[in-house]
Amino acid sequence: MDDRSRRRAFIRANTAPLRPPHVPEIVLHLADEAHELWLKTEEELEAIGLPPPFWAFAWAGGQGLARYVLDHPACVAGRRVVDLASGSGLVAIAAAQAGAARVLALDIDPFAREAAELNAALNGVTLAIASEDRIGRPVEADVLLAGDVFYDQGFAARLAPWFDALAAGGVEVLVGDPGRAYLPAARVERLAVYEVPVTRALEDAEVKRTTVWRWKVGA
């Protein structure tokens, strides 16, 4: 069995097809209380060589952004879309369902690549998927979607100038964020607010107020 096959087998063994509560139109391979993956600590994951399995959960920022895309399909319809830090592929799948001309799901985790491909098949859509870091580089896209990416100070410091450059170059940058500490508020404008059900195993509340923001040009 090759590496991709092993990763797919792991995903199938540790998840089940579930519908995120705020985006029930989409079904994903997700971990819940019935799966051992849900209970593993970071140390246990590191011991088995598994990066943090962000792809196994439907995070609030991604759910809010996917909801926005499905409710406002004109923001992606007929356009080239990149979904940054795609994880499960939730937002990328929403963009494909909303009529995007092409959707590229980007995530550095090779498990996320397999999860996104499996999830795309579950939902009957086609995604281009890449496991690489393209931050700071130009993208062939009209829209860049980023769900829940401002959770880490160092990562945020890399993203902000890149988003500035993309927006200045004509790329519409939309961010879904559930109140993370490192979102640069002066650089964004509010588009929509959602109350997204989540689990206390992932967050500090059962419902996270999640905002969809557009990155300002020349902020």
N, C-alpha and C. Protein backbone atom coordinates (compact mmCIF):
# COMPACT_ATOMS: atom_id res chain seq x y z
N MET A 1 0.85 -1.19 0.00
CA MET A 1 0.00 0.00 0.00
C MET A 1 0.89 1.25 0.00
N ASP A 2 0.65 2.18 -0.92
CA ASP A 2 1.46 3.39 -0.98
C ASP A 2 0.99 4.40 0.06
N ASP A 3 1.72 5.54 0.17
CA ASP A 3 1.42 6.52 1.22
C ASP A 3 0.02 7.11 1.08
N ARG A 4 -0.39 7.41 -0.15
CA ARG A 4 -1.72 7.99 -0.35
C ARG A 4 -2.80 7.00 0.07
N SER A 5 -2.62 5.76 -0.28
CA SER A 5 -3.60 4.74 0.09
C SER A 5 -3.66 4.57 1.60
N ARG A 6 -2.50 4.62 2.26
CA ARG A 6 -2.49 4.50 3.72
C ARG A 6 -3.21 5.68 4.37
N ARG A 7 -2.98 6.87 3.84
CA ARG A 7 -3.66 8.04 4.40
C ARG A 7 -5.17 7.94 4.21
N ARG A 8 -5.59 7.50 3.05
CA ARG A 8 -7.02 7.35 2.81
C ARG A 8 -7.63 6.29 3.74
N ALA A 9 -6.92 5.21 3.93
CA ALA A 9 -7.41 4.17 4.83
C ALA A 9 -7.53 4.70 6.25
N PHE A 10 -6.56 5.50 6.67
CA PHE A 10 -6.61 6.10 8.01
C PHE A 10 -7.82 7.02 8.14
N ILE A 11 -8.06 7.84 7.14
CA ILE A 11 -9.19 8.76 7.18
C ILE A 11 -10.51 7.99 7.28
N ARG A 12 -10.66 6.98 6.46
CA ARG A 12 -11.91 6.20 6.49
C ARG A 12 -12.10 5.49 7.82
N ALA A 13 -11.00 5.03 8.42
CA ALA A 13 -11.09 4.29 9.68
C ALA A 13 -11.38 5.19 10.87
N ASN A 14 -11.07 6.48 10.76
CA ASN A 14 -11.15 7.37 11.91
C ASN A 14 -12.20 8.47 11.77
N THR A 15 -13.04 8.37 10.76
CA THR A 15 -14.09 9.36 10.54
C THR A 15 -15.37 8.66 10.09
N ALA A 16 -16.41 9.45 9.98
CA ALA A 16 -17.67 8.98 9.41
C ALA A 16 -18.26 10.10 8.55
N PRO A 17 -19.06 9.77 7.55
CA PRO A 17 -19.70 10.81 6.75
C PRO A 17 -20.74 11.55 7.61
N LEU A 18 -20.49 12.84 7.85
CA LEU A 18 -21.36 13.65 8.68
C LEU A 18 -21.62 15.00 8.01
N ARG A 19 -22.70 15.65 8.41
CA ARG A 19 -23.06 16.95 7.84
C ARG A 19 -22.77 18.05 8.86
N PRO A 20 -21.92 19.02 8.56
CA PRO A 20 -21.67 20.11 9.50
C PRO A 20 -22.99 20.82 9.82
N PRO A 21 -23.23 21.17 11.07
CA PRO A 21 -24.54 21.69 11.44
C PRO A 21 -24.93 22.98 10.74
N HIS A 22 -23.98 23.83 10.42
CA HIS A 22 -24.30 25.10 9.78
C HIS A 22 -24.32 25.01 8.26
N VAL A 23 -23.84 23.88 7.73
CA VAL A 23 -23.81 23.70 6.27
C VAL A 23 -24.29 22.28 5.96
N PRO A 24 -25.56 21.97 6.24
CA PRO A 24 -26.03 20.59 6.08
C PRO A 24 -26.12 20.13 4.64
N GLU A 25 -25.96 21.04 3.69
CA GLU A 25 -25.97 20.63 2.29
C GLU A 25 -24.74 19.80 1.93
N ILE A 26 -23.70 19.86 2.75
CA ILE A 26 -22.42 19.22 2.44
C ILE A 26 -22.17 18.09 3.43
N VAL A 27 -21.63 16.98 2.94
CA VAL A 27 -21.27 15.85 3.79
C VAL A 27 -19.75 15.67 3.73
N LEU A 28 -19.15 15.43 4.90
CA LEU A 28 -17.69 15.32 5.00
C LEU A 28 -17.30 14.12 5.85
N HIS A 29 -16.12 13.60 5.61
CA HIS A 29 -15.52 12.62 6.52
C HIS A 29 -15.03 13.37 7.75
N LEU A 30 -15.74 13.24 8.88
CA LEU A 30 -15.40 13.98 10.09
C LEU A 30 -15.24 13.04 11.27
N ALA A 31 -14.40 13.44 12.22
CA ALA A 31 -14.24 12.70 13.47
C ALA A 31 -15.22 13.26 14.49
N ASP A 32 -15.84 12.39 15.27
CA ASP A 32 -16.66 12.84 16.38
C ASP A 32 -16.37 11.98 17.60
N GLU A 33 -17.22 12.07 18.61
CA GLU A 33 -16.95 11.39 19.87
C GLU A 33 -16.82 9.88 19.72
N ALA A 34 -17.31 9.33 18.63
CA ALA A 34 -17.25 7.88 18.43
C ALA A 34 -15.89 7.41 17.92
N HIS A 35 -15.01 8.34 17.60
CA HIS A 35 -13.74 7.98 16.97
C HIS A 35 -12.56 8.26 17.90
N GLU A 36 -11.59 7.35 17.88
CA GLU A 36 -10.40 7.52 18.72
C GLU A 36 -9.63 8.79 18.36
N LEU A 37 -9.66 9.19 17.11
CA LEU A 37 -8.95 10.39 16.67
C LEU A 37 -9.40 11.61 17.47
N TRP A 38 -10.67 11.65 17.82
CA TRP A 38 -11.25 12.75 18.58
C TRP A 38 -10.54 12.91 19.93
N LEU A 39 -10.11 11.78 20.52
CA LEU A 39 -9.59 11.77 21.88
C LEU A 39 -8.08 11.91 21.97
N LYS A 40 -7.38 11.75 20.86
CA LYS A 40 -5.92 11.75 20.92
C LYS A 40 -5.37 13.13 21.23
N THR A 41 -4.35 13.18 22.06
CA THR A 41 -3.67 14.43 22.37
C THR A 41 -2.66 14.74 21.27
N GLU A 42 -2.13 15.97 21.30
CA GLU A 42 -1.10 16.34 20.32
C GLU A 42 0.12 15.45 20.45
N GLU A 43 0.46 15.07 21.69
CA GLU A 43 1.62 14.20 21.90
C GLU A 43 1.39 12.83 21.29
N GLU A 44 0.18 12.30 21.45
CA GLU A 44 -0.13 10.99 20.87
C GLU A 44 -0.12 11.05 19.35
N LEU A 45 -0.63 12.14 18.80
CA LEU A 45 -0.61 12.29 17.34
C LEU A 45 0.81 12.37 16.82
N GLU A 46 1.65 13.13 17.52
CA GLU A 46 3.04 13.26 17.11
C GLU A 46 3.76 11.92 17.16
N ALA A 47 3.42 11.11 18.16
CA ALA A 47 4.06 9.81 18.32
C ALA A 47 3.77 8.88 17.15
N ILE A 48 2.60 9.04 16.52
CA ILE A 48 2.26 8.18 15.38
C ILE A 48 2.55 8.88 14.04
N GLY A 49 3.20 10.06 14.11
CA GLY A 49 3.59 10.75 12.90
C GLY A 49 2.45 11.44 12.18
N LEU A 50 1.42 11.84 12.92
CA LEU A 50 0.26 12.48 12.31
C LEU A 50 0.23 13.96 12.67
N PRO A 51 0.25 14.87 11.68
CA PRO A 51 0.10 16.29 11.99
C PRO A 51 -1.26 16.53 12.64
N PRO A 52 -1.45 17.65 13.34
CA PRO A 52 -2.78 17.92 13.91
C PRO A 52 -3.86 17.77 12.85
N PRO A 53 -4.88 16.96 13.10
CA PRO A 53 -5.84 16.61 12.04
C PRO A 53 -6.93 17.65 11.86
N PHE A 54 -6.54 18.86 11.44
CA PHE A 54 -7.52 19.91 11.23
C PHE A 54 -8.56 19.50 10.18
N TRP A 55 -8.16 18.63 9.27
CA TRP A 55 -9.04 18.17 8.20
C TRP A 55 -10.20 17.31 8.73
N ALA A 56 -10.11 16.85 9.96
CA ALA A 56 -11.12 15.92 10.50
C ALA A 56 -12.27 16.64 11.19
N PHE A 57 -12.24 17.98 11.20
CA PHE A 57 -13.25 18.74 11.92
C PHE A 57 -13.77 19.89 11.05
N ALA A 58 -15.03 20.27 11.27
CA ALA A 58 -15.63 21.39 10.56
C ALA A 58 -15.54 22.61 11.47
N TRP A 59 -14.48 23.40 11.31
CA TRP A 59 -14.23 24.54 12.17
C TRP A 59 -15.22 25.67 11.90
N ALA A 60 -15.47 26.49 12.91
CA ALA A 60 -16.49 27.52 12.81
C ALA A 60 -16.21 28.49 11.66
N GLY A 61 -14.95 28.92 11.50
CA GLY A 61 -14.64 29.86 10.43
C GLY A 61 -14.95 29.30 9.06
N GLY A 62 -14.63 28.02 8.86
CA GLY A 62 -14.93 27.38 7.59
C GLY A 62 -16.42 27.21 7.37
N GLN A 63 -17.14 26.83 8.43
CA GLN A 63 -18.59 26.68 8.29
C GLN A 63 -19.26 28.01 7.93
N GLY A 64 -18.84 29.08 8.60
CA GLY A 64 -19.42 30.38 8.29
C GLY A 64 -19.12 30.83 6.87
N LEU A 65 -17.88 30.63 6.43
CA LEU A 65 -17.51 31.04 5.08
C LEU A 65 -18.21 30.19 4.04
N ALA A 66 -18.32 28.89 4.27
CA ALA A 66 -19.04 28.02 3.35
C ALA A 66 -20.51 28.41 3.26
N ARG A 67 -21.11 28.75 4.41
CA ARG A 67 -22.50 29.21 4.43
C ARG A 67 -22.67 30.47 3.58
N TYR A 68 -21.73 31.39 3.75
CA TYR A 68 -21.81 32.63 2.97
C TYR A 68 -21.72 32.35 1.48
N VAL A 69 -20.80 31.50 1.08
CA VAL A 69 -20.63 31.19 -0.33
C VAL A 69 -21.90 30.54 -0.91
N LEU A 70 -22.49 29.62 -0.17
CA LEU A 70 -23.71 28.97 -0.66
C LEU A 70 -24.88 29.93 -0.72
N ASP A 71 -24.95 30.86 0.23
CA ASP A 71 -26.05 31.82 0.26
C ASP A 71 -25.84 32.99 -0.70
N HIS A 72 -24.60 33.22 -1.13
CA HIS A 72 -24.28 34.32 -2.05
C HIS A 72 -23.43 33.76 -3.20
N PRO A 73 -24.01 32.87 -4.01
CA PRO A 73 -23.21 32.20 -5.04
C PRO A 73 -22.57 33.14 -6.05
N ALA A 74 -23.11 34.33 -6.21
CA ALA A 74 -22.54 35.26 -7.18
C ALA A 74 -21.10 35.64 -6.84
N CYS A 75 -20.69 35.46 -5.57
CA CYS A 75 -19.32 35.83 -5.20
C CYS A 75 -18.28 34.89 -5.81
N VAL A 76 -18.71 33.70 -6.24
CA VAL A 76 -17.77 32.75 -6.83
C VAL A 76 -18.21 32.22 -8.20
N ALA A 77 -19.46 32.36 -8.55
CA ALA A 77 -19.99 31.75 -9.77
C ALA A 77 -19.23 32.21 -11.00
N GLY A 78 -18.74 31.23 -11.77
CA GLY A 78 -18.01 31.51 -12.98
C GLY A 78 -16.61 32.04 -12.76
N ARG A 79 -16.13 32.03 -11.52
CA ARG A 79 -14.83 32.61 -11.20
C ARG A 79 -13.85 31.53 -10.78
N ARG A 80 -12.57 31.86 -10.86
CA ARG A 80 -11.50 30.96 -10.40
C ARG A 80 -11.28 31.19 -8.91
N VAL A 81 -11.34 30.12 -8.15
CA VAL A 81 -11.32 30.23 -6.69
C VAL A 81 -10.17 29.42 -6.12
N VAL A 82 -9.48 29.99 -5.13
CA VAL A 82 -8.51 29.25 -4.31
C VAL A 82 -9.03 29.22 -2.89
N ASP A 83 -9.05 28.03 -2.29
CA ASP A 83 -9.41 27.87 -0.87
C ASP A 83 -8.13 27.58 -0.10
N LEU A 84 -7.69 28.55 0.71
CA LEU A 84 -6.44 28.45 1.44
C LEU A 84 -6.63 27.70 2.75
N ALA A 85 -5.64 26.86 3.11
CA ALA A 85 -5.74 26.04 4.33
C ALA A 85 -7.05 25.28 4.33
N SER A 86 -7.27 24.55 3.27
CA SER A 86 -8.58 23.98 2.95
C SER A 86 -9.03 22.92 3.94
N GLY A 87 -8.09 22.18 4.55
CA GLY A 87 -8.47 21.15 5.51
C GLY A 87 -9.37 20.09 4.89
N SER A 88 -10.58 19.97 5.39
CA SER A 88 -11.54 18.98 4.89
C SER A 88 -12.00 19.26 3.47
N GLY A 89 -11.77 20.49 3.00
CA GLY A 89 -12.28 20.90 1.70
C GLY A 89 -13.67 21.50 1.75
N LEU A 90 -14.18 21.76 2.96
CA LEU A 90 -15.55 22.26 3.11
C LEU A 90 -15.81 23.51 2.28
N VAL A 91 -14.96 24.52 2.42
CA VAL A 91 -15.20 25.78 1.72
C VAL A 91 -15.00 25.61 0.21
N ALA A 92 -14.02 24.82 -0.17
CA ALA A 92 -13.79 24.56 -1.59
C ALA A 92 -15.00 23.85 -2.22
N ILE A 93 -15.57 22.90 -1.49
CA ILE A 93 -16.75 22.19 -1.99
C ILE A 93 -17.92 23.14 -2.12
N ALA A 94 -18.10 24.02 -1.14
CA ALA A 94 -19.17 25.01 -1.23
C ALA A 94 -19.01 25.89 -2.46
N ALA A 95 -17.76 26.30 -2.75
CA ALA A 95 -17.51 27.13 -3.93
C ALA A 95 -17.85 26.37 -5.21
N ALA A 96 -17.47 25.10 -5.26
CA ALA A 96 -17.80 24.29 -6.44
C ALA A 96 -19.31 24.15 -6.60
N GLN A 97 -20.00 23.91 -5.50
CA GLN A 97 -21.46 23.79 -5.55
C GLN A 97 -22.12 25.09 -5.98
N ALA A 98 -21.49 26.22 -5.63
CA ALA A 98 -22.05 27.52 -5.96
C ALA A 98 -21.73 27.97 -7.38
N GLY A 99 -21.02 27.13 -8.14
CA GLY A 99 -20.81 27.41 -9.56
C GLY A 99 -19.49 28.02 -9.94
N ALA A 100 -18.48 27.90 -9.07
CA ALA A 100 -17.15 28.41 -9.44
C ALA A 100 -16.65 27.71 -10.69
N ALA A 101 -15.92 28.44 -11.53
CA ALA A 101 -15.40 27.86 -12.77
C ALA A 101 -14.33 26.83 -12.48
N ARG A 102 -13.51 27.09 -11.45
CA ARG A 102 -12.43 26.18 -11.06
C ARG A 102 -12.12 26.44 -9.60
N VAL A 103 -11.89 25.40 -8.84
CA VAL A 103 -11.57 25.55 -7.43
C VAL A 103 -10.29 24.78 -7.12
N LEU A 104 -9.32 25.50 -6.55
CA LEU A 104 -8.09 24.88 -6.08
C LEU A 104 -8.09 24.88 -4.56
N ALA A 105 -8.01 23.69 -3.95
CA ALA A 105 -7.92 23.55 -2.51
C ALA A 105 -6.45 23.42 -2.13
N LEU A 106 -5.96 24.35 -1.31
CA LEU A 106 -4.56 24.36 -0.90
C LEU A 106 -4.43 24.02 0.58
N ASP A 107 -3.56 23.10 0.92
CA ASP A 107 -3.26 22.80 2.32
C ASP A 107 -1.91 22.07 2.35
N ILE A 108 -1.07 22.42 3.33
CA ILE A 108 0.25 21.80 3.38
C ILE A 108 0.21 20.38 3.93
N ASP A 109 -0.87 19.97 4.58
CA ASP A 109 -0.97 18.64 5.18
C ASP A 109 -1.38 17.62 4.12
N PRO A 110 -0.57 16.60 3.86
CA PRO A 110 -0.94 15.60 2.85
C PRO A 110 -2.21 14.83 3.22
N PHE A 111 -2.51 14.71 4.52
CA PHE A 111 -3.78 14.09 4.90
C PHE A 111 -4.96 14.92 4.43
N ALA A 112 -4.81 16.25 4.48
CA ALA A 112 -5.88 17.13 4.03
C ALA A 112 -6.15 16.94 2.54
N ARG A 113 -5.09 16.71 1.79
CA ARG A 113 -5.30 16.48 0.35
C ARG A 113 -6.19 15.28 0.13
N GLU A 114 -5.92 14.19 0.83
CA GLU A 114 -6.73 12.98 0.65
C GLU A 114 -8.15 13.20 1.18
N ALA A 115 -8.26 13.89 2.32
CA ALA A 115 -9.59 14.15 2.88
C ALA A 115 -10.42 15.00 1.93
N ALA A 116 -9.81 16.04 1.36
CA ALA A 116 -10.54 16.91 0.44
C ALA A 116 -10.98 16.15 -0.81
N GLU A 117 -10.12 15.27 -1.29
CA GLU A 117 -10.49 14.50 -2.48
C GLU A 117 -11.62 13.53 -2.18
N LEU A 118 -11.54 12.86 -1.03
CA LEU A 118 -12.63 11.95 -0.64
C LEU A 118 -13.93 12.73 -0.44
N ASN A 119 -13.83 13.89 0.19
CA ASN A 119 -15.03 14.68 0.45
C ASN A 119 -15.62 15.27 -0.83
N ALA A 120 -14.77 15.66 -1.76
CA ALA A 120 -15.27 16.14 -3.04
C ALA A 120 -16.09 15.04 -3.73
N ALA A 121 -15.58 13.82 -3.70
CA ALA A 121 -16.31 12.71 -4.31
C ALA A 121 -17.64 12.47 -3.61
N LEU A 122 -17.65 12.59 -2.28
CA LEU A 122 -18.91 12.41 -1.54
C LEU A 122 -19.98 13.40 -2.00
N ASN A 123 -19.53 14.59 -2.40
CA ASN A 123 -20.47 15.65 -2.77
C ASN A 123 -20.63 15.83 -4.27
N GLY A 124 -19.98 14.97 -5.05
CA GLY A 124 -20.17 15.00 -6.49
C GLY A 124 -19.59 16.23 -7.17
N VAL A 125 -18.49 16.78 -6.62
CA VAL A 125 -17.85 17.93 -7.25
C VAL A 125 -16.39 17.60 -7.55
N THR A 126 -15.79 18.41 -8.39
CA THR A 126 -14.40 18.22 -8.77
C THR A 126 -13.57 19.40 -8.26
N LEU A 127 -12.49 19.08 -7.57
CA LEU A 127 -11.56 20.09 -7.09
C LEU A 127 -10.17 19.81 -7.62
N ALA A 128 -9.41 20.87 -7.89
CA ALA A 128 -7.96 20.73 -8.00
C ALA A 128 -7.42 20.84 -6.58
N ILE A 129 -6.46 19.99 -6.23
CA ILE A 129 -5.97 19.94 -4.86
C ILE A 129 -4.45 19.92 -4.87
N ALA A 130 -3.84 20.74 -4.02
CA ALA A 130 -2.37 20.78 -3.95
C ALA A 130 -1.93 20.83 -2.49
N SER A 131 -0.90 20.04 -2.18
CA SER A 131 -0.31 20.03 -0.84
C SER A 131 0.99 20.81 -0.89
N GLU A 132 0.90 22.12 -0.77
CA GLU A 132 2.09 22.96 -0.82
C GLU A 132 1.80 24.32 -0.22
N ASP A 133 2.84 25.03 0.15
CA ASP A 133 2.75 26.35 0.74
C ASP A 133 2.94 27.39 -0.37
N ARG A 134 1.88 28.10 -0.71
CA ARG A 134 1.98 29.12 -1.75
C ARG A 134 1.86 30.53 -1.20
N ILE A 135 1.94 30.67 0.11
CA ILE A 135 1.82 32.00 0.71
C ILE A 135 2.96 32.89 0.22
N GLY A 136 2.61 34.09 -0.20
CA GLY A 136 3.58 35.04 -0.71
C GLY A 136 3.76 34.99 -2.21
N ARG A 137 3.13 34.01 -2.86
CA ARG A 137 3.27 33.88 -4.31
C ARG A 137 1.97 34.31 -5.00
N PRO A 138 2.05 34.73 -6.26
CA PRO A 138 0.82 35.05 -6.99
C PRO A 138 -0.07 33.81 -7.12
N VAL A 139 -1.35 34.02 -7.25
CA VAL A 139 -2.28 32.92 -7.48
C VAL A 139 -3.10 33.21 -8.73
N GLU A 140 -3.40 32.18 -9.47
CA GLU A 140 -4.26 32.32 -10.64
C GLU A 140 -5.70 32.18 -10.18
N ALA A 141 -6.24 33.25 -9.65
CA ALA A 141 -7.58 33.20 -9.07
C ALA A 141 -8.22 34.57 -9.10
N ASP A 142 -9.54 34.56 -9.09
CA ASP A 142 -10.31 35.78 -8.95
C ASP A 142 -10.74 35.98 -7.50
N VAL A 143 -10.85 34.87 -6.76
CA VAL A 143 -11.30 34.90 -5.38
C VAL A 143 -10.40 33.98 -4.55
N LEU A 144 -9.96 34.46 -3.40
CA LEU A 144 -9.28 33.60 -2.44
C LEU A 144 -10.14 33.51 -1.19
N LEU A 145 -10.45 32.28 -0.77
CA LEU A 145 -11.26 32.02 0.42
C LEU A 145 -10.36 31.48 1.52
N ALA A 146 -10.53 31.99 2.74
CA ALA A 146 -9.68 31.57 3.85
C ALA A 146 -10.54 31.43 5.10
N GLY A 147 -10.79 30.20 5.50
CA GLY A 147 -11.61 29.94 6.67
C GLY A 147 -10.75 29.68 7.91
N ASP A 148 -10.88 30.54 8.91
CA ASP A 148 -10.25 30.32 10.21
C ASP A 148 -8.72 30.20 10.11
N VAL A 149 -8.08 31.25 9.62
CA VAL A 149 -6.63 31.21 9.42
C VAL A 149 -5.86 32.14 10.36
N PHE A 150 -6.55 32.92 11.20
CA PHE A 150 -5.85 33.90 12.03
C PHE A 150 -5.77 33.46 13.49
N TYR A 151 -5.49 32.16 13.67
CA TYR A 151 -5.41 31.59 15.02
C TYR A 151 -3.99 31.64 15.58
N ASP A 152 -3.00 31.94 14.77
CA ASP A 152 -1.60 31.90 15.17
C ASP A 152 -0.91 33.19 14.75
N GLN A 153 -0.14 33.80 15.66
CA GLN A 153 0.46 35.10 15.39
C GLN A 153 1.45 35.05 14.23
N GLY A 154 2.30 34.03 14.21
CA GLY A 154 3.28 33.92 13.14
C GLY A 154 2.64 33.71 11.78
N PHE A 155 1.62 32.86 11.74
CA PHE A 155 0.92 32.59 10.49
C PHE A 155 0.20 33.85 10.02
N ALA A 156 -0.43 34.56 10.95
CA ALA A 156 -1.11 35.80 10.59
C ALA A 156 -0.15 36.83 10.02
N ALA A 157 1.06 36.89 10.57
CA ALA A 157 2.05 37.84 10.08
C ALA A 157 2.49 37.54 8.65
N ARG A 158 2.44 36.28 8.27
CA ARG A 158 2.74 35.91 6.88
C ARG A 158 1.56 36.22 5.96
N LEU A 159 0.35 36.00 6.46
CA LEU A 159 -0.83 36.14 5.61
C LEU A 159 -1.17 37.59 5.27
N ALA A 160 -1.09 38.47 6.26
CA ALA A 160 -1.59 39.83 6.06
C ALA A 160 -0.94 40.55 4.87
N PRO A 161 0.38 40.59 4.75
CA PRO A 161 0.96 41.29 3.59
C PRO A 161 0.65 40.59 2.27
N TRP A 162 0.51 39.28 2.33
CA TRP A 162 0.14 38.55 1.10
C TRP A 162 -1.27 38.90 0.68
N PHE A 163 -2.20 38.92 1.64
CA PHE A 163 -3.58 39.30 1.32
C PHE A 163 -3.63 40.73 0.81
N ASP A 164 -2.81 41.62 1.39
CA ASP A 164 -2.73 43.00 0.88
C ASP A 164 -2.36 43.02 -0.60
N ALA A 165 -1.34 42.24 -0.93
CA ALA A 165 -0.85 42.21 -2.31
C ALA A 165 -1.88 41.60 -3.25
N LEU A 166 -2.53 40.52 -2.82
CA LEU A 166 -3.54 39.89 -3.66
C LEU A 166 -4.70 40.84 -3.91
N ALA A 167 -5.18 41.50 -2.84
CA ALA A 167 -6.30 42.42 -2.99
C ALA A 167 -5.92 43.58 -3.91
N ALA A 168 -4.71 44.09 -3.76
CA ALA A 168 -4.25 45.18 -4.63
C ALA A 168 -4.17 44.76 -6.09
N GLY A 169 -3.93 43.46 -6.30
CA GLY A 169 -3.84 42.93 -7.65
C GLY A 169 -5.17 42.49 -8.24
N GLY A 170 -6.26 42.71 -7.51
CA GLY A 170 -7.58 42.42 -8.05
C GLY A 170 -8.21 41.13 -7.59
N VAL A 171 -7.55 40.40 -6.69
CA VAL A 171 -8.13 39.18 -6.15
C VAL A 171 -9.04 39.55 -4.98
N GLU A 172 -10.27 39.06 -4.99
CA GLU A 172 -11.17 39.29 -3.86
C GLU A 172 -10.83 38.27 -2.77
N VAL A 173 -10.48 38.73 -1.59
CA VAL A 173 -10.10 37.87 -0.48
C VAL A 173 -11.22 37.89 0.56
N LEU A 174 -11.80 36.71 0.82
CA LEU A 174 -12.87 36.57 1.80
C LEU A 174 -12.39 35.67 2.93
N VAL A 175 -12.60 36.11 4.15
CA VAL A 175 -12.11 35.42 5.34
C VAL A 175 -13.27 35.07 6.25
N GLY A 176 -13.34 33.82 6.71
CA GLY A 176 -14.28 33.43 7.74
C GLY A 176 -13.55 33.32 9.06
N ASP A 177 -14.02 34.05 10.08
CA ASP A 177 -13.27 34.10 11.33
C ASP A 177 -14.20 34.11 12.54
N PRO A 178 -13.97 33.20 13.52
CA PRO A 178 -14.82 33.14 14.70
C PRO A 178 -14.24 33.90 15.90
N GLY A 179 -13.64 35.06 15.63
CA GLY A 179 -13.10 35.87 16.71
C GLY A 179 -11.70 35.51 17.13
N ARG A 180 -10.88 35.03 16.22
CA ARG A 180 -9.49 34.71 16.55
C ARG A 180 -8.71 35.99 16.87
N ALA A 181 -7.67 35.82 17.66
CA ALA A 181 -6.97 36.97 18.22
C ALA A 181 -6.17 37.77 17.20
N TYR A 182 -5.77 37.14 16.09
CA TYR A 182 -4.78 37.79 15.22
C TYR A 182 -5.37 38.28 13.90
N LEU A 183 -6.70 38.34 13.80
CA LEU A 183 -7.31 38.94 12.62
C LEU A 183 -7.06 40.45 12.66
N PRO A 184 -6.45 41.03 11.62
CA PRO A 184 -6.19 42.48 11.62
C PRO A 184 -7.45 43.25 11.25
N ALA A 185 -8.16 43.71 12.26
CA ALA A 185 -9.49 44.29 12.07
C ALA A 185 -9.48 45.50 11.14
N ALA A 186 -8.40 46.26 11.13
CA ALA A 186 -8.36 47.46 10.29
C ALA A 186 -8.27 47.14 8.81
N ARG A 187 -7.94 45.90 8.49
CA ARG A 187 -7.74 45.53 7.09
C ARG A 187 -8.97 44.89 6.46
N VAL A 188 -10.06 44.72 7.20
CA VAL A 188 -11.20 43.97 6.69
C VAL A 188 -12.50 44.75 6.87
N GLU A 189 -13.50 44.36 6.07
CA GLU A 189 -14.85 44.92 6.21
C GLU A 189 -15.85 43.78 6.32
N ARG A 190 -16.84 43.94 7.19
CA ARG A 190 -17.79 42.87 7.52
C ARG A 190 -18.80 42.67 6.39
N LEU A 191 -19.02 41.39 6.04
CA LEU A 191 -20.04 41.04 5.06
C LEU A 191 -21.24 40.34 5.70
N ALA A 192 -20.99 39.46 6.68
CA ALA A 192 -22.08 38.70 7.29
C ALA A 192 -21.62 38.15 8.62
N VAL A 193 -22.58 37.88 9.50
CA VAL A 193 -22.30 37.29 10.81
C VAL A 193 -23.22 36.10 11.01
N TYR A 194 -22.66 34.99 11.50
CA TYR A 194 -23.42 33.77 11.74
C TYR A 194 -23.17 33.26 13.15
N GLU A 195 -24.16 32.59 13.70
CA GLU A 195 -23.99 31.86 14.95
C GLU A 195 -23.79 30.39 14.59
N VAL A 196 -22.58 29.88 14.72
CA VAL A 196 -22.22 28.56 14.21
C VAL A 196 -22.11 27.55 15.36
N PRO A 197 -22.91 26.48 15.32
CA PRO A 197 -22.77 25.44 16.35
C PRO A 197 -21.44 24.70 16.20
N VAL A 198 -20.75 24.54 17.31
CA VAL A 198 -19.48 23.80 17.33
C VAL A 198 -19.49 22.90 18.57
N THR A 199 -18.37 22.30 18.86
CA THR A 199 -18.29 21.45 20.03
C THR A 199 -17.27 21.98 21.01
N ARG A 200 -17.52 21.79 22.28
CA ARG A 200 -16.58 22.27 23.29
C ARG A 200 -15.25 21.53 23.25
N ALA A 201 -15.20 20.40 22.58
CA ALA A 201 -13.92 19.71 22.42
C ALA A 201 -12.97 20.49 21.52
N LEU A 202 -13.53 21.37 20.69
CA LEU A 202 -12.72 22.16 19.77
C LEU A 202 -12.64 23.62 20.19
N GLU A 203 -13.68 24.14 20.79
CA GLU A 203 -13.78 25.56 21.06
C GLU A 203 -14.13 25.80 22.53
N ASP A 204 -14.26 27.07 22.90
CA ASP A 204 -14.58 27.42 24.28
C ASP A 204 -16.07 27.68 24.47
N ALA A 205 -16.88 27.34 23.48
CA ALA A 205 -18.32 27.55 23.56
C ALA A 205 -19.00 26.59 22.60
N GLU A 206 -20.30 26.39 22.77
CA GLU A 206 -21.05 25.50 21.89
C GLU A 206 -21.52 26.21 20.63
N VAL A 207 -21.52 27.53 20.66
CA VAL A 207 -21.86 28.34 19.49
C VAL A 207 -20.81 29.44 19.36
N LYS A 208 -20.26 29.59 18.16
CA LYS A 208 -19.25 30.62 17.93
C LYS A 208 -19.81 31.66 16.94
N ARG A 209 -19.78 32.91 17.36
CA ARG A 209 -20.17 33.98 16.43
C ARG A 209 -19.06 34.11 15.40
N THR A 210 -19.41 33.87 14.17
CA THR A 210 -18.43 33.82 13.08
C THR A 210 -18.76 34.88 12.04
N THR A 211 -17.76 35.65 11.69
CA THR A 211 -17.94 36.75 10.75
C THR A 211 -17.23 36.43 9.43
N VAL A 212 -17.88 36.77 8.35
CA VAL A 212 -17.25 36.71 7.03
C VAL A 212 -16.82 38.13 6.68
N TRP A 213 -15.55 38.27 6.36
CA TRP A 213 -14.94 39.56 6.09
C TRP A 213 -14.41 39.61 4.64
N ARG A 214 -14.43 40.79 4.07
CA ARG A 214 -13.72 41.04 2.81
C ARG A 214 -12.47 41.86 3.11
N TRP A 215 -11.33 41.41 2.56
CA TRP A 215 -10.08 42.13 2.76
C TRP A 215 -10.13 43.44 1.97
N LYS A 216 -9.78 44.53 2.61
CA LYS A 216 -9.83 45.83 1.97
C LYS A 216 -8.66 46.02 1.00
N VAL A 217 -8.91 46.73 -0.05
CA VAL A 217 -7.84 47.10 -0.98
C VAL A 217 -7.16 48.34 -0.44
N GLY A 218 -5.84 48.28 -0.31
CA GLY A 218 -5.10 49.44 0.15
C GLY A 218 -5.30 49.76 1.61
N ALA A 219 -5.58 48.71 2.43
CA ALA A 219 -5.82 48.96 3.85
C ALA A 219 -4.54 49.37 4.56
